[in-house]
Each structure stands twice: as C-alpha cells, then as structure tokens.
C-alpha cells in the first residue's frame, strides 16, 4: 500500500489543526503539527545561533513588536518555515513509524517547498487554507492570542499580529498560485471539509 502524506499549510488562525483532526478521522491517519517538528529542531540549535528558529525565543511581546514591523515578522515566519523544512522533508522520506502515512499541518508548510517535494514523491498531497474574513481573524487573535495567551500581552500589540498575519496570508496565496498548489478559502463551516476532500480525492 502506498503511504498517503497530506500537508496542510496556510495563515495562522485559519483552522489548520481543526481540519487536520477531521481529515485524520476521515482517512484514519495520525496527524501532527509542524510546531512540534520546529521545537525539536530548535532544541538542537546552539543558543548563540542566528538561526531563524531562534528569533523570538525569550523576548517579551512588547519588545518583539517594537523591534520588528509586521512585514518583517511575516518574512521571518516564512524563513522559519524554510529552516524547519529539512525536518519535515526527513519525516516525509524516512519516517516509517506510521506505515499508512500521516497528516502534517502548520504555517511551516510552504508552497514552493511542497512543490519541490512533489516532484520526487507522488504520494504527497497538499492544500493551503486562507481566510478573507478579517473580522473573524481579528476575533481569533484577540481571543486566543498568537505570541502567547491573549491575556498575557496588550490588545494594541494584537493589532500588529493581525497585520502580519494578513501579510503572511498574501505571501502564501501568491506562492501557492505560482506553484500550482490548491487554495481553499475557508468559511469555518462543514463546507470547508467537503471542499478539501474534493481536492484530495
């Protein structure tokens, strides 16, 4: 049996984990987040390293958002994806713990790198999620928080988060279009899963 590997990328707050869980139940495959891969890789990096994986470590939200613009943060998020990709690629090509395959979701799934992987392996499928509803995205950020728990830093800083998330979303959509990767505009309804399953079929 050919292993099935499904990669789910897209902007923060879009519901990648929710979709991954539903796909896991539908296909009977385990799923995990690229956050876990990134943290494993980060733990092996020299603390003095300038690796993109260490940029925000141990810095207070106020200091972080004062130091970087939303555009810089979106670009650094992308660079973290590039730095995390060797770990993701290793899982795809070498991990046989899950013999039937697995689902991997996260912001570190990048269209160009997925497309490169698909030229080598026919069993890698992908979908990128986007949410054009800025009000909904803002609500998630203010309720849940991104840099940390929502109540751990000021609301005015969350406005910067909304801005970089929108910039990152535009970057990913543009790259997904360029590399012919499927994009689903979510509505946070059951139709999202239906649309994604149609792509994966």
C-alpha atoms as a PDB file:
ATOM      1  CA  UNK A   1       0.000   0.000   0.000  1.00  0.00           C
ATOM      2  CA  UNK A   2       1.290   3.471  -0.884  1.00  0.00           C
ATOM      3  CA  UNK A   3       1.686   5.760   2.094  1.00  0.00           C
ATOM      4  CA  UNK A   4      -0.562   8.807   1.974  1.00  0.00           C
ATOM      5  CA  UNK A   5       1.008  12.054   3.150  1.00  0.00           C
ATOM      6  CA  UNK A   6      -1.195  15.138   3.412  1.00  0.00           C
ATOM      7  CA  UNK A   7       0.310  18.561   4.074  1.00  0.00           C
ATOM      8  CA  UNK A   8      -1.898  21.440   5.220  1.00  0.00           C
ATOM      9  CA  UNK A   9      -0.483  24.959   5.150  1.00  0.00           C
ATOM     10  CA  UNK A  10      -1.806  28.465   5.464  1.00  0.00           C
ATOM     11  CA  UNK A  11      -2.068  31.502   7.690  1.00  0.00           C
ATOM     12  CA  UNK A  12      -2.345  31.380  11.492  1.00  0.00           C
ATOM     13  CA  UNK A  13      -5.948  31.273  12.888  1.00  0.00           C
ATOM     14  CA  UNK A  14      -7.344  29.715   9.684  1.00  0.00           C
ATOM     15  CA  UNK A  15      -8.200  26.377  11.319  1.00  0.00           C
ATOM     16  CA  UNK A  16      -5.437  24.071  10.079  1.00  0.00           C
ATOM     17  CA  UNK A  17      -5.485  21.953  13.247  1.00  0.00           C
ATOM     18  CA  UNK A  18      -9.272  21.598  13.128  1.00  0.00           C
ATOM     19  CA  UNK A  19      -9.145  20.455   9.505  1.00  0.00           C
ATOM     20  CA  UNK A  20      -6.226  18.104  10.214  1.00  0.00           C
ATOM     21  CA  UNK A  21      -8.202  16.456  13.007  1.00  0.00           C
ATOM     22  CA  UNK A  22     -11.229  15.982  10.750  1.00  0.00           C
ATOM     23  CA  UNK A  23      -9.103  14.571   7.949  1.00  0.00           C
ATOM     24  CA  UNK A  24      -7.414  12.277  10.461  1.00  0.00           C
ATOM     25  CA  UNK A  25     -10.806  10.866  11.409  1.00  0.00           C
ATOM     26  CA  UNK A  26     -11.896  10.587   7.775  1.00  0.00           C
ATOM     27  CA  UNK A  27      -8.793   8.829   6.459  1.00  0.00           C
ATOM     28  CA  UNK A  28      -7.764   7.003   9.634  1.00  0.00           C
ATOM     29  CA  UNK A  29      -4.338   8.664   9.600  1.00  0.00           C
ATOM     30  CA  UNK A  30      -2.439  10.235  12.510  1.00  0.00           C
ATOM     31  CA  UNK A  31      -1.733  13.960  12.399  1.00  0.00           C
ATOM     32  CA  UNK A  32       0.691  16.360  13.976  1.00  0.00           C
ATOM     33  CA  UNK A  33       1.734  19.998  13.782  1.00  0.00           C
ATOM     34  CA  UNK A  34       4.888  21.464  12.282  1.00  0.00           C
ATOM     35  CA  UNK A  35       5.190  23.303  15.617  1.00  0.00           C
ATOM     36  CA  UNK A  36       6.384  20.024  17.096  1.00  0.00           C
ATOM     37  CA  UNK A  37       8.931  19.499  14.329  1.00  0.00           C
ATOM     38  CA  UNK A  38      10.168  23.080  14.729  1.00  0.00           C
ATOM     39  CA  UNK A  39      10.561  22.764  18.502  1.00  0.00           C
ATOM     40  CA  UNK A  40      12.550  19.536  18.160  1.00  0.00           C
ATOM     41  CA  UNK A  41      14.856  21.216  15.663  1.00  0.00           C
ATOM     42  CA  UNK A  42      15.143  24.357  17.803  1.00  0.00           C
ATOM     43  CA  UNK A  43      16.232  22.305  20.819  1.00  0.00           C
ATOM     44  CA  UNK A  44      19.227  21.037  18.858  1.00  0.00           C
ATOM     45  CA  UNK A  45      20.425  24.510  17.825  1.00  0.00           C
ATOM     46  CA  UNK A  46      23.225  26.329  19.613  1.00  0.00           C
ATOM     47  CA  UNK A  47      21.611  29.090  21.770  1.00  0.00           C
ATOM     48  CA  UNK A  48      24.021  31.618  20.258  1.00  0.00           C
ATOM     49  CA  UNK A  49      22.972  30.663  16.730  1.00  0.00           C
ATOM     50  CA  UNK A  50      21.380  33.243  14.425  1.00  0.00           C
ATOM     51  CA  UNK A  51      19.044  30.604  13.012  1.00  0.00           C
ATOM     52  CA  UNK A  52      15.533  31.867  12.110  1.00  0.00           C
ATOM     53  CA  UNK A  53      14.230  29.234  14.538  1.00  0.00           C
ATOM     54  CA  UNK A  54      15.583  31.232  17.493  1.00  0.00           C
ATOM     55  CA  UNK A  55      14.459  34.758  16.561  1.00  0.00           C
ATOM     56  CA  UNK A  56      11.596  35.203  19.035  1.00  0.00           C
ATOM     57  CA  UNK A  57      12.841  32.966  21.828  1.00  0.00           C
ATOM     58  CA  UNK A  58      12.609  34.512  25.307  1.00  0.00           C
ATOM     59  CA  UNK A  59      11.648  38.009  24.135  1.00  0.00           C
ATOM     60  CA  UNK A  60       8.648  39.805  25.660  1.00  0.00           C
ATOM     61  CA  UNK A  61       5.819  40.652  23.260  1.00  0.00           C
ATOM     62  CA  UNK A  62       6.292  44.402  23.804  1.00  0.00           C
ATOM     63  CA  UNK A  63       9.964  44.188  22.884  1.00  0.00           C
ATOM     64  CA  UNK A  64       9.326  41.926  19.919  1.00  0.00           C
ATOM     65  CA  UNK A  65       6.674  44.123  18.305  1.00  0.00           C
ATOM     66  CA  UNK A  66       8.731  47.236  18.959  1.00  0.00           C
ATOM     67  CA  UNK A  67      11.767  45.685  17.282  1.00  0.00           C
ATOM     68  CA  UNK A  68      10.095  44.297  14.142  1.00  0.00           C
ATOM     69  CA  UNK A  69       7.484  45.611  11.713  1.00  0.00           C
ATOM     70  CA  UNK A  70       4.527  43.383  10.716  1.00  0.00           C
ATOM     71  CA  UNK A  71       6.131  42.877   7.296  1.00  0.00           C
ATOM     72  CA  UNK A  72       9.401  41.779   8.899  1.00  0.00           C
ATOM     73  CA  UNK A  73       7.537  39.369  11.183  1.00  0.00           C
ATOM     74  CA  UNK A  74       5.690  37.819   8.215  1.00  0.00           C
ATOM     75  CA  UNK A  75       9.001  37.398   6.393  1.00  0.00           C
ATOM     76  CA  UNK A  76      10.637  35.866   9.487  1.00  0.00           C
ATOM     77  CA  UNK A  77       7.716  33.445   9.821  1.00  0.00           C
ATOM     78  CA  UNK A  78       8.379  32.384   6.246  1.00  0.00           C
ATOM     79  CA  UNK A  79      12.104  31.986   6.971  1.00  0.00           C
ATOM     80  CA  UNK A  80      11.241  29.756   9.937  1.00  0.00           C
ATOM     81  CA  UNK A  81       9.305  27.579   7.525  1.00  0.00           C
ATOM     82  CA  UNK A  82      12.355  27.257   5.300  1.00  0.00           C
ATOM     83  CA  UNK A  83      14.528  26.434   8.336  1.00  0.00           C
ATOM     84  CA  UNK A  84      12.015  23.822   9.547  1.00  0.00           C
ATOM     85  CA  UNK A  85      11.627  22.156   6.156  1.00  0.00           C
ATOM     86  CA  UNK A  86      14.620  19.774   6.450  1.00  0.00           C
ATOM     87  CA  UNK A  87      12.860  18.183   9.438  1.00  0.00           C
ATOM     88  CA  UNK A  88       9.566  17.979   7.553  1.00  0.00           C
ATOM     89  CA  UNK A  89      11.263  16.517   4.487  1.00  0.00           C
ATOM     90  CA  UNK A  90      13.051  13.958   6.655  1.00  0.00           C
ATOM     91  CA  UNK A  91       9.691  12.834   8.081  1.00  0.00           C
ATOM     92  CA  UNK A  92       8.204  12.507   4.620  1.00  0.00           C
ATOM     93  CA  UNK A  93      11.086  10.487   3.245  1.00  0.00           C
ATOM     94  CA  UNK A  94      12.367   8.487   6.209  1.00  0.00           C
ATOM     95  CA  UNK A  95       9.778   8.079   8.954  1.00  0.00           C
ATOM     96  CA  UNK A  96       8.037   4.709   8.773  1.00  0.00           C
ATOM     97  CA  UNK A  97       6.518   4.786  12.242  1.00  0.00           C
ATOM     98  CA  UNK A  98       3.191   5.478  10.542  1.00  0.00           C
ATOM     99  CA  UNK A  99       3.236   2.975   7.710  1.00  0.00           C
ATOM    100  CA  UNK A 100      -0.006   4.158   6.107  1.00  0.00           C
ATOM    101  CA  UNK A 101       1.144   7.772   6.135  1.00  0.00           C
ATOM    102  CA  UNK A 102       0.239  10.863   8.134  1.00  0.00           C
ATOM    103  CA  UNK A 103      -1.172  14.386   8.058  1.00  0.00           C
ATOM    104  CA  UNK A 104       1.069  17.334   8.885  1.00  0.00           C
ATOM    105  CA  UNK A 105      -0.274  20.850   9.338  1.00  0.00           C
ATOM    106  CA  UNK A 106       1.231  24.217  10.147  1.00  0.00           C
ATOM    107  CA  UNK A 107       2.454  27.601   8.982  1.00  0.00           C
ATOM    108  CA  UNK A 108       5.804  25.988   8.173  1.00  0.00           C
ATOM    109  CA  UNK A 109       4.281  24.179   5.192  1.00  0.00           C
ATOM    110  CA  UNK A 110       5.357  26.364   2.261  1.00  0.00           C
ATOM    111  CA  UNK A 111       4.061  26.052  -1.335  1.00  0.00           C
ATOM    112  CA  UNK A 112       7.405  26.133  -3.151  1.00  0.00           C
ATOM    113  CA  UNK A 113       8.956  23.514  -0.883  1.00  0.00           C
ATOM    114  CA  UNK A 114       5.878  21.299  -1.141  1.00  0.00           C
ATOM    115  CA  UNK A 115       6.008  21.556  -4.933  1.00  0.00           C
ATOM    116  CA  UNK A 116       9.692  20.571  -4.889  1.00  0.00           C
ATOM    117  CA  UNK A 117       8.875  17.551  -2.707  1.00  0.00           C
ATOM    118  CA  UNK A 118       6.049  16.507  -5.021  1.00  0.00           C
ATOM    119  CA  UNK A 119       8.452  16.283  -7.954  1.00  0.00           C
ATOM    120  CA  UNK A 120      10.210  13.488  -6.021  1.00  0.00           C
ATOM    121  CA  UNK A 121       7.227  11.746  -4.430  1.00  0.00           C
ATOM    122  CA  UNK A 122       3.811  11.096  -5.960  1.00  0.00           C
ATOM    123  CA  UNK A 123       2.147  10.306  -2.622  1.00  0.00           C
ATOM    124  CA  UNK A 124       2.425  13.820  -1.168  1.00  0.00           C
ATOM    125  CA  UNK A 125      -0.793  15.836  -1.342  1.00  0.00           C
ATOM    126  CA  UNK A 126      -1.304  19.388  -0.171  1.00  0.00           C
ATOM    127  CA  UNK A 127      -3.841  22.104   0.446  1.00  0.00           C
ATOM    128  CA  UNK A 128      -3.383  25.681   1.626  1.00  0.00           C
ATOM    129  CA  UNK A 129      -6.053  27.401   3.696  1.00  0.00           C
ATOM    130  CA  UNK A 130      -6.885  31.104   3.648  1.00  0.00           C
ATOM    131  CA  UNK A 131      -9.479  33.227   5.424  1.00  0.00           C
ATOM    132  CA  UNK A 132     -10.501  36.508   3.798  1.00  0.00           C
ATOM    133  CA  UNK A 133     -12.721  37.455   6.744  1.00  0.00           C
ATOM    134  CA  UNK A 134     -10.512  39.943   8.607  1.00  0.00           C
ATOM    135  CA  UNK A 135     -13.104  40.390  11.368  1.00  0.00           C
ATOM    136  CA  UNK A 136     -13.047  36.653  12.062  1.00  0.00           C
ATOM    137  CA  UNK A 137      -9.247  36.539  12.035  1.00  0.00           C
ATOM    138  CA  UNK A 138      -9.098  39.515  14.403  1.00  0.00           C
ATOM    139  CA  UNK A 139     -11.540  37.823  16.778  1.00  0.00           C
ATOM    140  CA  UNK A 140      -9.396  34.676  16.963  1.00  0.00           C
ATOM    141  CA  UNK A 141      -6.235  36.685  17.614  1.00  0.00           C
ATOM    142  CA  UNK A 142      -7.850  38.777  20.355  1.00  0.00           C
ATOM    143  CA  UNK A 143      -9.499  35.738  21.968  1.00  0.00           C
ATOM    144  CA  UNK A 144      -6.687  33.202  21.707  1.00  0.00           C
ATOM    145  CA  UNK A 145      -3.555  35.244  21.090  1.00  0.00           C
ATOM    146  CA  UNK A 146      -0.643  34.269  18.863  1.00  0.00           C
ATOM    147  CA  UNK A 147       2.550  35.419  20.533  1.00  0.00           C
ATOM    148  CA  UNK A 148       1.263  33.958  23.789  1.00  0.00           C
ATOM    149  CA  UNK A 149      -2.006  33.621  25.669  1.00  0.00           C
ATOM    150  CA  UNK A 150      -4.283  36.519  24.808  1.00  0.00           C
ATOM    151  CA  UNK A 151      -4.331  37.896  28.347  1.00  0.00           C
ATOM    152  CA  UNK A 152      -0.530  37.950  28.601  1.00  0.00           C
ATOM    153  CA  UNK A 153       0.039  40.997  26.382  1.00  0.00           C
ATOM    154  CA  UNK A 154      -1.706  44.213  25.374  1.00  0.00           C
ATOM    155  CA  UNK A 155      -4.505  44.334  22.813  1.00  0.00           C
ATOM    156  CA  UNK A 156      -2.719  47.069  20.885  1.00  0.00           C
ATOM    157  CA  UNK A 157       0.017  44.545  20.107  1.00  0.00           C
ATOM    158  CA  UNK A 158      -2.565  42.149  18.713  1.00  0.00           C
ATOM    159  CA  UNK A 159      -3.309  44.719  16.016  1.00  0.00           C
ATOM    160  CA  UNK A 160       0.274  44.205  14.809  1.00  0.00           C
ATOM    161  CA  UNK A 161      -0.367  40.467  14.806  1.00  0.00           C
ATOM    162  CA  UNK A 162      -3.437  40.894  12.634  1.00  0.00           C
ATOM    163  CA  UNK A 163      -1.377  42.928  10.193  1.00  0.00           C
ATOM    164  CA  UNK A 164       1.460  40.418   9.878  1.00  0.00           C
ATOM    165  CA  UNK A 165      -0.981  37.512   9.580  1.00  0.00           C
ATOM    166  CA  UNK A 166      -2.693  39.244   6.654  1.00  0.00           C
ATOM    167  CA  UNK A 167       0.681  39.926   5.011  1.00  0.00           C
ATOM    168  CA  UNK A 168       1.727  36.297   5.530  1.00  0.00           C
ATOM    169  CA  UNK A 169      -1.569  35.100   4.063  1.00  0.00           C
ATOM    170  CA  UNK A 170      -0.981  37.176   0.924  1.00  0.00           C
ATOM    171  CA  UNK A 171       2.558  35.796   0.604  1.00  0.00           C
ATOM    172  CA  UNK A 172       1.400  32.178   0.860  1.00  0.00           C
ATOM    173  CA  UNK A 173      -1.521  32.628  -1.547  1.00  0.00           C
ATOM    174  CA  UNK A 174       0.727  34.283  -4.129  1.00  0.00           C
ATOM    175  CA  UNK A 175       3.301  31.493  -3.847  1.00  0.00           C
ATOM    176  CA  UNK A 176       0.653  28.761  -3.895  1.00  0.00           C
ATOM    177  CA  UNK A 177      -0.760  30.190  -7.116  1.00  0.00           C
ATOM    178  CA  UNK A 178       2.717  30.370  -8.664  1.00  0.00           C
ATOM    179  CA  UNK A 179       3.484  26.734  -7.824  1.00  0.00           C
ATOM    180  CA  UNK A 180       0.023  25.382  -8.652  1.00  0.00           C
ATOM    181  CA  UNK A 181      -0.857  24.418  -5.095  1.00  0.00           C
ATOM    182  CA  UNK A 182      -4.576  24.240  -4.198  1.00  0.00           C
ATOM    183  CA  UNK A 183      -6.003  27.050  -2.060  1.00  0.00           C
ATOM    184  CA  UNK A 184      -9.251  26.814  -0.104  1.00  0.00           C
ATOM    185  CA  UNK A 185     -10.916  29.981   1.163  1.00  0.00           C
ATOM    186  CA  UNK A 186     -12.456  28.800   4.423  1.00  0.00           C
ATOM    187  CA  UNK A 187     -15.814  29.837   5.815  1.00  0.00           C
ATOM    188  CA  UNK A 188     -15.471  27.908   9.098  1.00  0.00           C
ATOM    189  CA  UNK A 189     -18.399  25.666   8.121  1.00  0.00           C
ATOM    190  CA  UNK A 190     -18.752  22.000   7.145  1.00  0.00           C
ATOM    191  CA  UNK A 191     -18.318  23.084   3.519  1.00  0.00           C
ATOM    192  CA  UNK A 192     -14.615  23.608   4.221  1.00  0.00           C
ATOM    193  CA  UNK A 193     -14.048  19.893   4.799  1.00  0.00           C
ATOM    194  CA  UNK A 194     -16.144  18.987   1.745  1.00  0.00           C
ATOM    195  CA  UNK A 195     -14.097  21.326  -0.459  1.00  0.00           C
ATOM    196  CA  UNK A 196     -10.817  19.972   0.888  1.00  0.00           C
ATOM    197  CA  UNK A 197     -11.874  16.344   0.418  1.00  0.00           C
ATOM    198  CA  UNK A 198     -12.758  17.108  -3.195  1.00  0.00           C
ATOM    199  CA  UNK A 199      -9.220  18.376  -3.745  1.00  0.00           C
ATOM    200  CA  UNK A 200      -7.627  15.403  -2.006  1.00  0.00           C
ATOM    201  CA  UNK A 201      -9.744  12.907  -3.934  1.00  0.00           C
END
